[in-house]
Amino acid sequence: MRKVLIANRGEIAVRVARACAEYGVASVAVYADADADAPHARLADEAYALPDGYLDVDGLLDVAARAGADAVHPGYGFLSESAAAAARVEEAGLVWIGPTPATIARLGDKALAREVARSVGAPLAPGSDGPVGSADDVVAFAREHGLPVMIKAAHGGGGRGLRVVRRLEEVTGLYDAAAREAAAAFGRGECLVEKYLERPRHVEVQVLGDGTGGVVVLGTRDCSVQRRSQKLVEEAPAPFLTSEQEQVLTTAARDICAAVGYRSAGTVELLLDADGLISFLEVNTRLQVEHTVTEETTDIDLVRQQLLLADGRPVEVTEDVRPSGHAIELRITAEDPGRGFLPGPGTLTRFDPPGGPGVRVDAGVVAGSTVPASFDSLVAKLVVRAPDRTTALRRARAAVASFTVEGVPTVLPFHVRLLEDPAFTAPSARSFAVHTRWVEDECTWLDELGEKRAEPPHEDPVVRTWVEIDGRRSLLGLPTALLAQLSTTGHAQSPDPAQEAGTAPDASSDGDVSAPAAGILTSWSAPDGERVEAGERVAVVEAMKTERPIAAPLAGVLRHVVTEGAQVGAGDRLGVVEP
């Protein structure tokens, strides 16, 4: 390989660009309009605009051809688990830095993955043999195996398309929501149903496969601190496992990946319930966000190993690795933990990360960066390493206390409080009480959290933007006075989007249906002109990977103002209910 196109954004694109530089290959970044000034676009050797977004495979292949790239690294998320995208890349004569398309397809289909797990004797909770055909099938399964049950997307991961059913009357609504979210995220809405394990820990095993059946295990991780099935904290090795549990976990991971001839880095995820029952969950056929804690406890650069394997060279790890010390990763997201982790896109007026021995910060932003509403809310990862868990917790407290972010809400206050909670900082398995629902169900202190918002910065007399010239980005500055003059003469005036669409401008009304957060209006639950009742769900906005239902403020006739698929801001008027 000579030049790698990085088909991603944010901190993972920065991470891959740095690994490419160390490996000795050039890197090519792509950026959506909202990321024109993002650090990953500046760090790479070249950067090209991708107007239709990061999922535009045609656009990515066009950039690869223009830049002369001969390989594609998908990072995580976006295209990393798309067998079709991997196949398109290879059909174009490029190297796909990851598992083969066939492996991604087989393990990305959760029904097929369960079959692989069953064939090698991996532990499994009861579940459907394949995708269920309807909500009625979910009801039948629940009656046979008991509640609660879990509906989850058959394709993809990351907590998308996952719902827990605790009452039979909830099945239809939750099934429809899971299928809709899965279709929006992965292009396919099929769902599986499984027996839901109450209060389980989320544990996983990092592997490297050579593509011929050889698989090495690089240790375990615990990722139980989550909100809405999205991880907030990860640590390695997973604490308080018995030697028998660790043996079951690592054997299952190795056997599953060996059975499919796994190539590249991958993660096998499992659940461990309070009674010690272990159940296979899924295989993530990509680099994980939390790969950093494994790197810190093994001194193995996982991205470098991916590059070696894709380059047809042997990895530098030939046998299972025993982790040394303990590492903890805290995800820093642009969300307000005191308001139900409500996403808060905006501009970072200050970004001062901590440093020092054993402290690592992987960031996709700097002061002045914009956190777009249209993408994941992750802005940085704080990783600490120490000889043992107790010392790592102490180091994490000091690092979080000196981490300053202003301009958008973040989960830093949550991490400060978490690192003092006895349930998380427990010294033994007996007192370690964290599970995947712990944040929502047991963190009674969430409502106490909040952040003071920084005052908006004074207006800069120069507006800066970036222009692309032959794959290199150049900074262009335009005086605001000039722009203002153009605006008043009509040459730079933007049309009112509401008037352009033929709708009335927003107006305050008691019947307004407003966006709870910046995001995308994914669907109207009720047609235009239909009568709705107060409290009835009428729309869904997706904000930073999370669906947020919107209820009718009063009874009346619903009128749509904004169409499905539109980008909306927090508080925007989406529609109105006329009494």
Protein backbone atom coordinates (compact mmCIF):
# COMPACT_ATOMS: atom_id res chain seq x y z
CA MET A 1 0.00 0.00 0.00
CA ARG A 2 1.14 3.52 -0.79
CA LYS A 3 -1.81 5.77 0.01
CA VAL A 4 -4.81 5.11 2.28
CA LEU A 5 -8.16 6.85 1.97
CA ILE A 6 -9.75 7.22 5.42
CA ALA A 7 -13.50 6.84 4.96
CA ASN A 8 -14.49 8.39 8.27
CA ARG A 9 -14.35 11.51 10.42
CA GLY A 10 -13.60 12.68 13.94
CA GLU A 11 -11.11 11.17 16.33
CA ILE A 12 -10.90 7.81 14.55
CA ALA A 13 -9.91 9.52 11.29
CA VAL A 14 -7.20 11.38 13.21
CA ARG A 15 -6.09 8.11 14.79
CA VAL A 16 -5.82 6.32 11.44
CA ALA A 17 -4.00 9.24 9.78
CA ARG A 18 -1.35 9.17 12.49
CA ALA A 19 -0.97 5.41 12.17
CA CYS A 20 -0.53 5.76 8.40
CA ALA A 21 2.22 8.33 8.92
CA GLU A 22 4.05 6.01 11.32
CA TYR A 23 3.57 3.07 8.96
CA GLY A 24 5.04 5.06 6.08
CA VAL A 25 2.03 5.49 3.79
CA ALA A 26 0.25 8.66 2.73
CA SER A 27 -3.27 9.42 3.97
CA VAL A 28 -6.28 10.97 2.26
CA ALA A 29 -9.13 12.50 4.28
CA VAL A 30 -12.67 13.18 3.18
CA TYR A 31 -14.97 15.69 4.79
CA ALA A 32 -18.66 16.55 4.69
CA ASP A 33 -19.66 20.20 4.59
CA ALA A 34 -20.07 20.32 8.37
CA ASP A 35 -16.51 19.01 8.79
CA ALA A 36 -14.72 21.36 6.40
CA ASP A 37 -12.60 22.74 9.24
CA ALA A 38 -12.23 19.48 11.19
CA PRO A 39 -8.79 18.37 12.48
CA HIS A 40 -8.84 15.11 10.54
CA ALA A 41 -9.06 17.04 7.26
CA ARG A 42 -6.05 19.14 8.24
CA LEU A 43 -3.93 16.29 9.57
CA ALA A 44 -4.09 14.03 6.51
CA ASP A 45 -1.71 14.54 3.60
CA GLU A 46 -4.64 15.37 1.34
CA ALA A 47 -8.31 16.18 1.90
CA TYR A 48 -11.28 16.12 -0.45
CA ALA A 49 -14.86 17.30 -0.03
CA LEU A 50 -17.57 14.65 0.08
CA PRO A 51 -20.77 16.68 -0.39
CA ASP A 52 -23.15 13.71 -0.18
CA GLY A 53 -21.80 12.44 3.13
CA TYR A 54 -19.61 9.66 4.44
CA LEU A 55 -21.92 6.86 3.29
CA ASP A 56 -21.54 7.86 -0.35
CA VAL A 57 -19.52 4.93 -1.69
CA ASP A 58 -19.51 6.32 -5.23
CA GLY A 59 -18.11 9.59 -3.92
CA LEU A 60 -15.46 7.78 -1.87
CA LEU A 61 -14.34 5.73 -4.85
CA ASP A 62 -14.21 8.87 -6.97
CA VAL A 63 -11.99 10.55 -4.38
CA ALA A 64 -9.78 7.46 -4.22
CA ALA A 65 -9.31 7.58 -7.99
CA ARG A 66 -8.58 11.32 -8.00
CA ALA A 67 -6.11 11.02 -5.14
CA GLY A 68 -4.46 7.84 -6.38
CA ALA A 69 -5.29 5.95 -3.18
CA ASP A 70 -4.86 2.20 -3.32
CA ALA A 71 -6.50 1.28 0.01
CA VAL A 72 -9.47 2.27 2.17
CA HIS A 73 -9.65 2.26 5.96
CA PRO A 74 -13.26 2.64 7.16
CA GLY A 75 -12.49 3.30 10.84
CA TYR A 76 -15.53 2.33 12.89
CA GLY A 77 -19.22 3.00 12.31
CA PHE A 78 -20.37 4.36 8.96
CA LEU A 79 -19.12 1.87 6.35
CA SER A 80 -16.95 -0.36 8.53
CA GLU A 81 -19.59 -3.08 8.88
CA SER A 82 -20.99 -2.86 5.36
CA ALA A 83 -20.19 -5.95 3.32
CA ALA A 84 -21.50 -4.19 0.22
CA ALA A 85 -19.14 -1.24 0.72
CA ALA A 86 -16.18 -3.57 1.30
CA ALA A 87 -17.05 -5.48 -1.86
CA ARG A 88 -17.34 -2.26 -3.89
CA VAL A 89 -13.91 -1.17 -2.69
CA GLU A 90 -12.31 -4.49 -3.64
CA GLU A 91 -14.11 -4.59 -7.00
CA ALA A 92 -12.54 -1.20 -7.72
CA GLY A 93 -9.12 -2.77 -7.26
CA LEU A 94 -8.48 -1.21 -3.86
CA VAL A 95 -7.45 -2.86 -0.61
CA TRP A 96 -10.12 -2.98 2.11
CA ILE A 97 -8.43 -2.61 5.49
CA GLY A 98 -10.61 -4.94 7.51
CA PRO A 99 -12.28 -8.35 7.29
CA THR A 100 -13.32 -9.77 3.93
CA PRO A 101 -16.75 -8.82 2.59
CA ALA A 102 -17.89 -12.43 3.09
CA THR A 103 -16.88 -12.37 6.76
CA ILE A 104 -18.58 -9.02 7.33
CA ALA A 105 -21.78 -10.34 5.73
CA ARG A 106 -21.76 -13.56 7.74
CA LEU A 107 -20.98 -12.08 11.15
CA GLY A 108 -22.88 -8.84 10.52
CA ASP A 109 -26.05 -10.88 10.13
CA LYS A 110 -26.83 -11.62 13.77
CA ALA A 111 -28.85 -14.71 12.88
CA LEU A 112 -25.92 -16.21 10.96
CA ALA A 113 -23.53 -15.12 13.70
CA ARG A 114 -25.63 -17.00 16.27
CA GLU A 115 -25.38 -20.08 14.07
CA VAL A 116 -21.60 -19.79 14.01
CA ALA A 117 -21.55 -19.34 17.78
CA ARG A 118 -23.82 -22.34 18.26
CA SER A 119 -21.67 -24.48 15.95
CA VAL A 120 -18.54 -23.93 18.06
CA GLY A 121 -20.30 -24.36 21.39
CA ALA A 122 -20.27 -20.73 22.48
CA PRO A 123 -22.75 -19.85 25.26
CA LEU A 124 -26.09 -18.52 24.00
CA ALA A 125 -29.28 -17.20 25.59
CA PRO A 126 -32.57 -18.37 24.00
CA GLY A 127 -33.35 -16.49 20.79
CA SER A 128 -35.11 -16.68 17.43
CA ASP A 129 -33.46 -18.82 14.77
CA GLY A 130 -33.64 -15.93 12.33
CA PRO A 131 -35.36 -12.57 11.84
CA VAL A 132 -38.92 -12.45 13.09
CA GLY A 133 -41.61 -11.65 10.58
CA SER A 134 -43.82 -9.42 12.69
CA ALA A 135 -44.66 -8.13 16.14
CA ASP A 136 -46.88 -11.21 16.56
CA ASP A 137 -43.79 -13.41 16.39
CA VAL A 138 -42.23 -11.39 19.19
CA VAL A 139 -45.37 -11.91 21.30
CA ALA A 140 -45.26 -15.66 20.67
CA PHE A 141 -41.58 -15.83 21.68
CA ALA A 142 -42.24 -13.81 24.83
CA ARG A 143 -45.09 -16.11 25.84
CA GLU A 144 -42.84 -19.15 25.39
CA HIS A 145 -39.71 -17.83 27.10
CA GLY A 146 -41.10 -15.14 29.38
CA LEU A 147 -40.50 -11.41 29.65
CA PRO A 148 -38.43 -9.36 29.28
CA VAL A 149 -37.23 -9.96 25.73
CA MET A 150 -34.94 -7.93 23.51
CA ILE A 151 -35.71 -6.90 19.93
CA LYS A 152 -32.55 -6.03 18.03
CA ALA A 153 -31.52 -5.23 14.49
CA ALA A 154 -30.31 -8.27 12.57
CA HIS A 155 -27.73 -6.14 10.76
CA GLY A 156 -25.34 -3.57 12.24
CA GLY A 157 -24.58 -2.75 15.85
CA GLY A 158 -23.76 0.12 18.17
CA GLY A 159 -27.08 -0.16 20.00
CA ARG A 160 -29.07 0.94 16.94
CA GLY A 161 -32.38 -0.82 16.43
CA LEU A 162 -32.45 -2.30 19.93
CA ARG A 163 -35.49 -2.27 22.22
CA VAL A 164 -36.35 -4.10 25.46
CA VAL A 165 -39.92 -5.33 25.91
CA ARG A 166 -41.21 -5.68 29.46
CA ARG A 167 -44.97 -5.75 28.76
CA LEU A 168 -46.78 -7.52 25.93
CA GLU A 169 -48.77 -4.41 25.07
CA GLU A 170 -45.49 -2.64 24.26
CA VAL A 171 -44.45 -5.12 21.58
CA THR A 172 -45.98 -3.47 18.49
CA GLY A 173 -44.65 0.01 19.21
CA LEU A 174 -41.18 -1.18 20.18
CA TYR A 175 -40.93 -3.61 17.26
CA ASP A 176 -41.86 -0.85 14.81
CA ALA A 177 -39.36 1.55 16.42
CA ALA A 178 -36.53 -1.02 16.30
CA ALA A 179 -37.24 -1.90 12.66
CA ARG A 180 -37.48 1.77 11.65
CA GLU A 181 -34.23 2.67 13.39
CA ALA A 182 -32.47 -0.37 11.91
CA ALA A 183 -33.64 0.51 8.41
CA ALA A 184 -32.47 4.10 8.82
CA ALA A 185 -29.09 3.09 10.22
CA PHE A 186 -28.25 -0.03 8.20
CA GLY A 187 -30.58 0.00 5.22
CA ARG A 188 -32.36 -3.15 6.44
CA GLY A 189 -35.06 -3.36 9.08
CA GLU A 190 -35.08 -7.10 9.93
CA CYS A 191 -34.99 -7.80 13.67
CA LEU A 192 -34.25 -10.74 15.93
CA VAL A 193 -35.73 -11.46 19.34
CA GLU A 194 -33.83 -12.89 22.31
CA LYS A 195 -34.40 -13.49 25.96
CA TYR A 196 -33.25 -10.34 27.73
CA LEU A 197 -30.77 -10.83 30.55
CA GLU A 198 -31.51 -8.57 33.51
CA ARG A 199 -28.69 -6.47 34.92
CA PRO A 200 -25.90 -8.06 32.83
CA ARG A 201 -22.38 -6.82 32.44
CA HIS A 202 -21.22 -6.12 28.90
CA VAL A 203 -17.88 -7.83 28.36
CA GLU A 204 -15.91 -8.28 25.17
CA VAL A 205 -12.79 -9.91 23.78
CA GLN A 206 -10.35 -8.27 21.38
CA VAL A 207 -8.94 -10.55 18.68
CA LEU A 208 -6.62 -10.38 15.70
CA GLY A 209 -7.14 -12.87 12.88
CA ASP A 210 -4.71 -13.68 10.08
CA GLY A 211 -7.39 -14.69 7.57
CA THR A 212 -6.40 -18.36 7.51
CA GLY A 213 -7.90 -19.50 10.79
CA GLY A 214 -5.17 -18.21 13.07
CA VAL A 215 -6.60 -16.03 15.85
CA VAL A 216 -4.85 -14.44 18.81
CA VAL A 217 -6.64 -13.00 21.83
CA LEU A 218 -5.48 -9.64 23.17
CA GLY A 219 -7.53 -9.55 26.34
CA THR A 220 -10.94 -8.61 27.68
CA ARG A 221 -12.79 -5.34 28.25
CA ASP A 222 -15.77 -4.26 30.32
CA CYS A 223 -18.19 -1.80 28.68
CA SER A 224 -21.11 -1.94 31.10
CA VAL A 225 -21.45 1.81 31.77
CA GLN A 226 -23.91 2.76 29.04
CA ARG A 227 -26.81 5.04 28.31
CA ARG A 228 -29.38 4.05 25.66
CA SER A 229 -27.19 1.02 24.84
CA GLN A 230 -24.35 3.39 23.92
CA LYS A 231 -21.11 2.97 25.85
CA LEU A 232 -19.73 5.73 28.04
CA VAL A 233 -16.86 3.99 29.83
CA GLU A 234 -14.65 1.03 28.95
CA GLU A 235 -11.83 -0.62 30.83
CA ALA A 236 -9.29 -3.37 30.26
CA PRO A 237 -8.94 -5.98 31.40
CA ALA A 238 -12.55 -6.58 32.43
CA PRO A 239 -12.43 -6.46 36.24
CA PHE A 240 -13.54 -9.16 38.66
CA LEU A 241 -13.78 -12.09 36.24
CA THR A 242 -13.07 -15.54 37.57
CA SER A 243 -10.47 -17.59 35.69
CA GLU A 244 -13.28 -19.89 34.52
CA GLN A 245 -15.31 -16.99 33.15
CA GLU A 246 -12.30 -15.55 31.37
CA GLN A 247 -11.60 -18.96 29.83
CA VAL A 248 -15.17 -19.26 28.53
CA LEU A 249 -15.06 -15.73 27.07
CA THR A 250 -11.71 -16.03 25.31
CA THR A 251 -12.35 -19.56 24.02
CA ALA A 252 -15.70 -18.52 22.54
CA ALA A 253 -14.15 -15.47 20.85
CA ARG A 254 -11.26 -17.42 19.39
CA ASP A 255 -13.40 -20.30 18.14
CA ILE A 256 -16.05 -18.07 16.54
CA CYS A 257 -13.46 -16.04 14.63
CA ALA A 258 -11.37 -19.07 13.67
CA ALA A 259 -14.48 -20.77 12.25
CA VAL A 260 -14.91 -18.01 9.65
CA GLY A 261 -11.21 -17.41 8.89
CA TYR A 262 -11.38 -13.95 10.41
CA ARG A 263 -8.91 -11.34 9.11
CA SER A 264 -7.97 -8.07 10.83
CA ALA A 265 -8.96 -6.70 14.23
CA GLY A 266 -12.34 -7.67 15.63
CA THR A 267 -14.33 -7.81 18.84
CA VAL A 268 -16.59 -10.53 20.18
CA GLU A 269 -19.18 -9.12 22.57
CA LEU A 270 -20.90 -11.14 25.29
CA LEU A 271 -23.16 -10.59 28.28
CA LEU A 272 -22.47 -11.79 31.82
CA ASP A 273 -25.47 -11.77 34.13
CA ALA A 274 -25.56 -11.56 37.92
CA ASP A 275 -25.83 -15.35 38.22
CA GLY A 276 -22.70 -15.90 36.15
CA LEU A 277 -24.52 -16.89 32.93
CA ILE A 278 -22.56 -15.91 29.82
CA SER A 279 -24.28 -15.34 26.48
CA PHE A 280 -22.84 -14.46 23.08
CA LEU A 281 -24.12 -11.10 21.82
CA GLU A 282 -22.45 -10.24 18.50
CA VAL A 283 -19.20 -9.79 16.61
CA ASN A 284 -18.11 -6.31 15.63
CA THR A 285 -16.16 -6.76 12.42
CA ARG A 286 -14.12 -3.61 12.81
CA LEU A 287 -11.99 -1.55 15.11
CA GLN A 288 -13.89 -0.59 18.27
CA VAL A 289 -14.05 2.88 19.79
CA GLU A 290 -12.57 1.31 22.93
CA HIS A 291 -9.60 -0.32 21.20
CA THR A 292 -7.43 2.19 23.06
CA VAL A 293 -7.66 0.43 26.43
CA THR A 294 -6.43 -2.80 24.86
CA GLU A 295 -3.55 -0.92 23.25
CA GLU A 296 -2.61 0.63 26.58
CA THR A 297 -2.55 -2.70 28.41
CA THR A 298 -0.78 -4.69 25.69
CA ASP A 299 1.48 -2.08 24.01
CA ILE A 300 0.11 -3.28 20.67
CA ASP A 301 -0.90 -0.74 18.03
CA LEU A 302 -4.09 -2.27 16.63
CA VAL A 303 -4.31 0.05 13.62
CA ARG A 304 -0.74 -0.86 12.68
CA GLN A 305 -1.69 -4.54 12.83
CA GLN A 306 -4.65 -3.84 10.55
CA LEU A 307 -2.33 -2.16 8.06
CA LEU A 308 0.13 -5.05 8.19
CA LEU A 309 -2.57 -7.64 7.50
CA ALA A 310 -4.10 -5.60 4.67
CA ASP A 311 -0.62 -5.20 3.19
CA GLY A 312 -0.18 -8.97 3.07
CA ARG A 313 2.39 -8.95 5.83
CA PRO A 314 2.31 -10.97 9.07
CA VAL A 315 1.14 -9.34 12.27
CA GLU A 316 3.58 -8.73 15.08
CA VAL A 317 1.51 -10.81 17.50
CA THR A 318 1.60 -14.59 17.15
CA GLU A 319 0.15 -15.81 20.44
CA ASP A 320 -2.33 -14.72 23.07
CA VAL A 321 -1.23 -11.68 25.08
CA ARG A 322 -1.61 -11.28 28.82
CA PRO A 323 -2.53 -7.66 29.60
CA SER A 324 -0.35 -5.66 31.97
CA GLY A 325 -1.77 -3.02 34.29
CA HIS A 326 -5.20 -1.46 33.93
CA ALA A 327 -6.67 1.13 31.53
CA ILE A 328 -9.90 3.11 31.60
CA GLU A 329 -11.45 5.04 28.71
CA LEU A 330 -14.00 7.80 29.30
CA ARG A 331 -15.93 8.87 26.22
CA ILE A 332 -16.38 12.63 26.11
CA THR A 333 -19.60 13.30 24.22
CA ALA A 334 -21.45 16.55 23.53
CA GLU A 335 -24.45 15.65 25.65
CA ASP A 336 -26.02 17.09 28.78
CA PRO A 337 -26.18 14.34 31.44
CA GLY A 338 -28.44 16.48 33.60
CA ARG A 339 -31.08 16.54 30.84
CA GLY A 340 -31.24 12.87 29.97
CA PHE A 341 -28.03 13.01 27.92
CA LEU A 342 -29.66 15.41 25.49
CA PRO A 343 -27.28 16.02 22.55
CA GLY A 344 -25.88 19.54 22.39
CA PRO A 345 -24.24 20.38 19.07
CA GLY A 346 -22.48 23.70 18.69
CA THR A 347 -19.07 25.35 18.59
CA LEU A 348 -16.33 24.59 21.10
CA THR A 349 -15.15 27.89 22.52
CA ARG A 350 -12.56 26.12 24.68
CA PHE A 351 -10.98 22.67 24.57
CA ASP A 352 -8.19 22.05 27.08
CA PRO A 353 -7.46 18.32 27.53
CA PRO A 354 -5.32 16.95 30.37
CA GLY A 355 -1.88 15.40 30.06
CA GLY A 356 0.84 13.76 32.09
CA PRO A 357 2.12 10.21 32.65
CA GLY A 358 -0.39 7.52 31.79
CA VAL A 359 -2.86 9.97 30.21
CA ARG A 360 -3.90 9.75 26.55
CA VAL A 361 -6.48 11.89 24.75
CA ASP A 362 -7.73 10.90 21.30
CA ALA A 363 -9.69 13.89 20.00
CA GLY A 364 -11.39 14.85 16.78
CA VAL A 365 -11.79 18.49 17.75
CA VAL A 366 -9.87 21.56 18.87
CA ALA A 367 -11.03 24.89 20.26
CA GLY A 368 -13.16 26.50 17.58
CA SER A 369 -14.36 23.18 16.13
CA THR A 370 -18.02 22.64 15.42
CA VAL A 371 -19.84 19.61 16.79
CA PRO A 372 -22.44 18.95 14.07
CA ALA A 373 -25.91 17.72 14.95
CA SER A 374 -25.88 15.30 12.04
CA PHE A 375 -23.13 13.03 13.41
CA ASP A 376 -22.25 11.06 16.52
CA SER A 377 -21.76 13.21 19.62
CA LEU A 378 -18.30 11.82 20.48
CA VAL A 379 -15.69 14.59 20.55
CA ALA A 380 -12.81 12.91 22.40
CA LYS A 381 -11.71 9.90 24.42
CA LEU A 382 -9.80 10.24 27.68
CA VAL A 383 -7.72 7.15 28.40
CA VAL A 384 -5.67 6.56 31.53
CA ARG A 385 -3.29 3.71 32.29
CA ALA A 386 -1.84 2.61 35.63
CA PRO A 387 -0.38 -0.50 37.27
CA ASP A 388 -3.74 -1.46 38.81
CA ARG A 389 -7.41 -0.47 38.76
CA THR A 390 -7.29 1.53 41.99
CA THR A 391 -4.46 3.69 40.70
CA ALA A 392 -6.14 4.02 37.31
CA LEU A 393 -9.30 5.33 38.98
CA ARG A 394 -7.26 7.86 40.94
CA ARG A 395 -5.48 8.98 37.77
CA ALA A 396 -8.80 9.25 35.93
CA ARG A 397 -10.21 11.52 38.65
CA ALA A 398 -7.26 13.88 38.34
CA ALA A 399 -7.43 13.88 34.54
CA VAL A 400 -11.18 14.57 34.39
CA ALA A 401 -10.84 17.38 36.92
CA SER A 402 -8.39 19.17 34.62
CA PHE A 403 -10.32 18.58 31.37
CA THR A 404 -12.05 21.80 30.31
CA VAL A 405 -14.56 22.02 27.47
CA GLU A 406 -16.77 25.05 26.88
CA GLY A 407 -19.31 26.04 24.27
CA VAL A 408 -21.30 22.80 24.28
CA PRO A 409 -22.57 20.59 27.09
CA THR A 410 -20.48 17.48 27.74
CA VAL A 411 -20.62 14.38 29.91
CA LEU A 412 -17.59 15.49 31.94
CA PRO A 413 -19.77 16.17 35.03
CA PHE A 414 -21.09 12.64 34.72
CA HIS A 415 -17.58 11.20 34.70
CA VAL A 416 -16.60 13.28 37.73
CA ARG A 417 -19.53 11.86 39.68
CA LEU A 418 -19.11 8.32 38.31
CA LEU A 419 -15.50 8.12 39.48
CA GLU A 420 -16.72 8.70 43.05
CA ASP A 421 -19.59 6.23 42.99
CA PRO A 422 -18.94 3.15 45.17
CA ALA A 423 -20.84 0.90 42.75
CA PHE A 424 -18.28 1.66 40.02
CA THR A 425 -15.14 2.09 42.10
CA ALA A 426 -15.74 -1.13 44.07
CA PRO A 427 -12.63 -3.04 45.15
CA SER A 428 -14.18 -6.50 44.67
CA ALA A 429 -16.68 -8.43 42.59
CA ARG A 430 -19.06 -8.57 45.54
CA SER A 431 -19.48 -4.79 45.65
CA PHE A 432 -19.13 -4.07 41.90
CA ALA A 433 -22.77 -3.40 41.00
CA VAL A 434 -22.54 -1.88 37.51
CA HIS A 435 -24.62 -3.35 34.67
CA THR A 436 -25.87 -2.15 31.28
CA ARG A 437 -28.99 -0.47 32.73
CA TRP A 438 -27.24 0.93 35.80
CA VAL A 439 -26.99 4.51 34.51
CA GLU A 440 -30.70 4.80 33.67
CA ASP A 441 -32.02 2.76 36.59
CA GLU A 442 -29.75 3.47 39.53
CA CYS A 443 -27.80 6.70 39.03
CA THR A 444 -30.17 8.85 41.08
CA TRP A 445 -27.67 11.70 40.99
CA LEU A 446 -28.07 12.37 37.25
CA ASP A 447 -30.62 15.14 37.79
CA GLU A 448 -28.08 16.99 39.92
CA LEU A 449 -25.68 17.31 37.02
CA GLY A 450 -25.40 20.24 34.70
CA GLU A 451 -22.96 22.65 33.21
CA LYS A 452 -22.69 26.39 33.10
CA ARG A 453 -22.76 27.49 29.50
CA ALA A 454 -19.96 29.69 28.33
CA GLU A 455 -20.81 33.14 26.97
CA PRO A 456 -20.72 33.25 23.19
CA PRO A 457 -17.44 34.62 21.86
CA HIS A 458 -17.20 38.11 20.42
CA GLU A 459 -17.78 38.20 16.71
CA ASP A 460 -14.62 37.72 14.69
CA PRO A 461 -14.13 40.58 12.17
CA VAL A 462 -13.04 37.93 9.67
CA VAL A 463 -15.08 34.88 8.64
CA ARG A 464 -12.77 31.96 7.86
CA THR A 465 -13.57 29.06 5.62
CA TRP A 466 -11.65 26.36 3.79
CA VAL A 467 -11.26 25.83 0.06
CA GLU A 468 -9.97 22.72 -1.63
CA ILE A 469 -7.20 23.10 -4.23
CA ASP A 470 -5.92 19.86 -5.76
CA GLY A 471 -6.62 17.85 -2.64
CA ARG A 472 -5.05 20.34 -0.27
CA ARG A 473 -7.05 22.62 1.96
CA SER A 474 -6.32 26.32 2.18
CA LEU A 475 -7.73 28.84 4.66
CA LEU A 476 -9.70 31.71 3.14
CA GLY A 477 -10.64 34.76 5.21
CA LEU A 478 -13.47 37.15 4.32
CA PRO A 479 -14.16 40.34 6.32
CA THR A 480 -17.56 40.27 7.99
CA ALA A 481 -18.09 43.89 6.97
CA LEU A 482 -17.83 42.84 3.32
CA LEU A 483 -20.27 39.98 3.84
CA ALA A 484 -22.71 42.31 5.60
CA GLN A 485 -22.53 44.75 2.70
CA LEU A 486 -23.17 41.97 0.20
CA SER A 487 -26.11 40.81 2.28
CA THR A 488 -27.75 44.25 2.35
CA THR A 489 -27.41 44.61 -1.42
CA GLY A 490 -29.00 41.20 -1.92
CA HIS A 491 -25.97 39.50 -3.46
CA ALA A 492 -25.33 37.19 -0.53
CA GLN A 493 -28.77 36.98 0.95
CA SER A 494 -30.09 33.50 1.79
CA PRO A 495 -33.73 32.70 1.15
CA ASP A 496 -36.03 31.93 4.05
CA PRO A 497 -36.22 28.11 3.94
CA ALA A 498 -39.79 28.15 5.25
CA GLN A 499 -40.97 30.59 2.55
CA GLU A 500 -38.97 28.73 -0.10
CA ALA A 501 -40.84 25.55 0.82
CA GLY A 502 -44.16 27.35 0.55
CA THR A 503 -44.89 27.30 4.28
CA ALA A 504 -45.47 30.08 6.72
CA PRO A 505 -42.53 31.24 8.86
CA ASP A 506 -42.36 29.80 12.36
CA ALA A 507 -44.65 31.43 14.83
CA SER A 508 -45.18 30.78 18.48
CA SER A 509 -48.23 28.68 19.24
CA ASP A 510 -49.48 26.56 22.12
CA GLY A 511 -50.02 23.80 19.56
CA ASP A 512 -46.49 23.89 18.15
CA VAL A 513 -44.78 20.54 17.57
CA SER A 514 -41.14 21.45 18.21
CA ALA A 515 -37.86 19.60 17.81
CA PRO A 516 -36.47 18.55 21.22
CA ALA A 517 -32.91 18.65 19.84
CA ALA A 518 -31.02 19.39 16.68
CA GLY A 519 -31.11 16.45 14.31
CA ILE A 520 -33.14 14.93 11.48
CA LEU A 521 -36.92 14.56 11.32
CA THR A 522 -36.93 10.85 10.52
CA SER A 523 -40.66 10.30 10.44
CA TRP A 524 -44.15 11.64 11.06
CA SER A 525 -46.12 9.12 13.10
CA ALA A 526 -49.42 10.69 12.03
CA PRO A 527 -50.35 11.96 8.55
CA ASP A 528 -50.91 15.62 7.76
CA GLY A 529 -54.50 16.56 8.52
CA GLU A 530 -55.17 13.68 10.91
CA ARG A 531 -56.77 14.21 14.31
CA VAL A 532 -54.45 13.38 17.22
CA GLU A 533 -54.87 13.25 20.98
CA ALA A 534 -52.81 15.16 23.54
CA GLY A 535 -49.72 13.15 24.44
CA GLU A 536 -49.95 10.95 21.33
CA ARG A 537 -46.66 10.46 19.49
CA VAL A 538 -46.74 12.41 16.24
CA ALA A 539 -43.10 12.56 15.08
CA VAL A 540 -39.59 11.23 15.65
CA VAL A 541 -36.37 13.24 15.50
CA GLU A 542 -33.04 11.44 15.40
CA ALA A 543 -30.35 13.40 17.23
CA MET A 544 -26.81 12.04 17.31
CA LYS A 545 -27.78 8.36 16.91
CA THR A 546 -30.75 8.59 19.27
CA GLU A 547 -34.45 8.57 18.36
CA ARG A 548 -36.45 11.15 20.29
CA PRO A 549 -40.26 10.81 20.04
CA ILE A 550 -42.39 13.97 20.04
CA ALA A 551 -45.87 14.06 21.55
CA ALA A 552 -48.80 16.19 20.52
CA PRO A 553 -49.07 19.18 22.90
CA LEU A 554 -52.89 19.11 22.73
CA ALA A 555 -55.77 17.41 20.94
CA GLY A 556 -56.61 18.58 17.46
CA VAL A 557 -55.68 18.33 13.79
CA LEU A 558 -52.00 17.85 12.97
CA ARG A 559 -50.46 20.03 10.25
CA HIS A 560 -46.96 19.26 8.98
CA VAL A 561 -44.59 22.19 8.45
CA VAL A 562 -41.31 20.33 7.91
CA THR A 563 -40.96 17.28 5.67
CA GLU A 564 -39.45 13.95 6.67
CA GLY A 565 -35.68 13.78 6.24
CA ALA A 566 -35.16 17.49 6.91
CA GLN A 567 -32.35 18.75 9.13
CA VAL A 568 -33.82 20.67 12.08
CA GLY A 569 -32.50 22.72 14.96
CA ALA A 570 -33.38 22.48 18.62
CA GLY A 571 -36.73 24.19 19.18
CA ASP A 572 -37.59 24.39 15.46
CA ARG A 573 -41.29 24.28 14.65
CA LEU A 574 -41.93 21.00 12.85
CA GLY A 575 -45.68 21.25 12.74
CA VAL A 576 -48.71 22.46 14.63
CA VAL A 577 -51.78 20.91 16.21
CA GLU A 578 -54.83 23.06 15.51
CA PRO A 579 -57.47 22.81 18.26
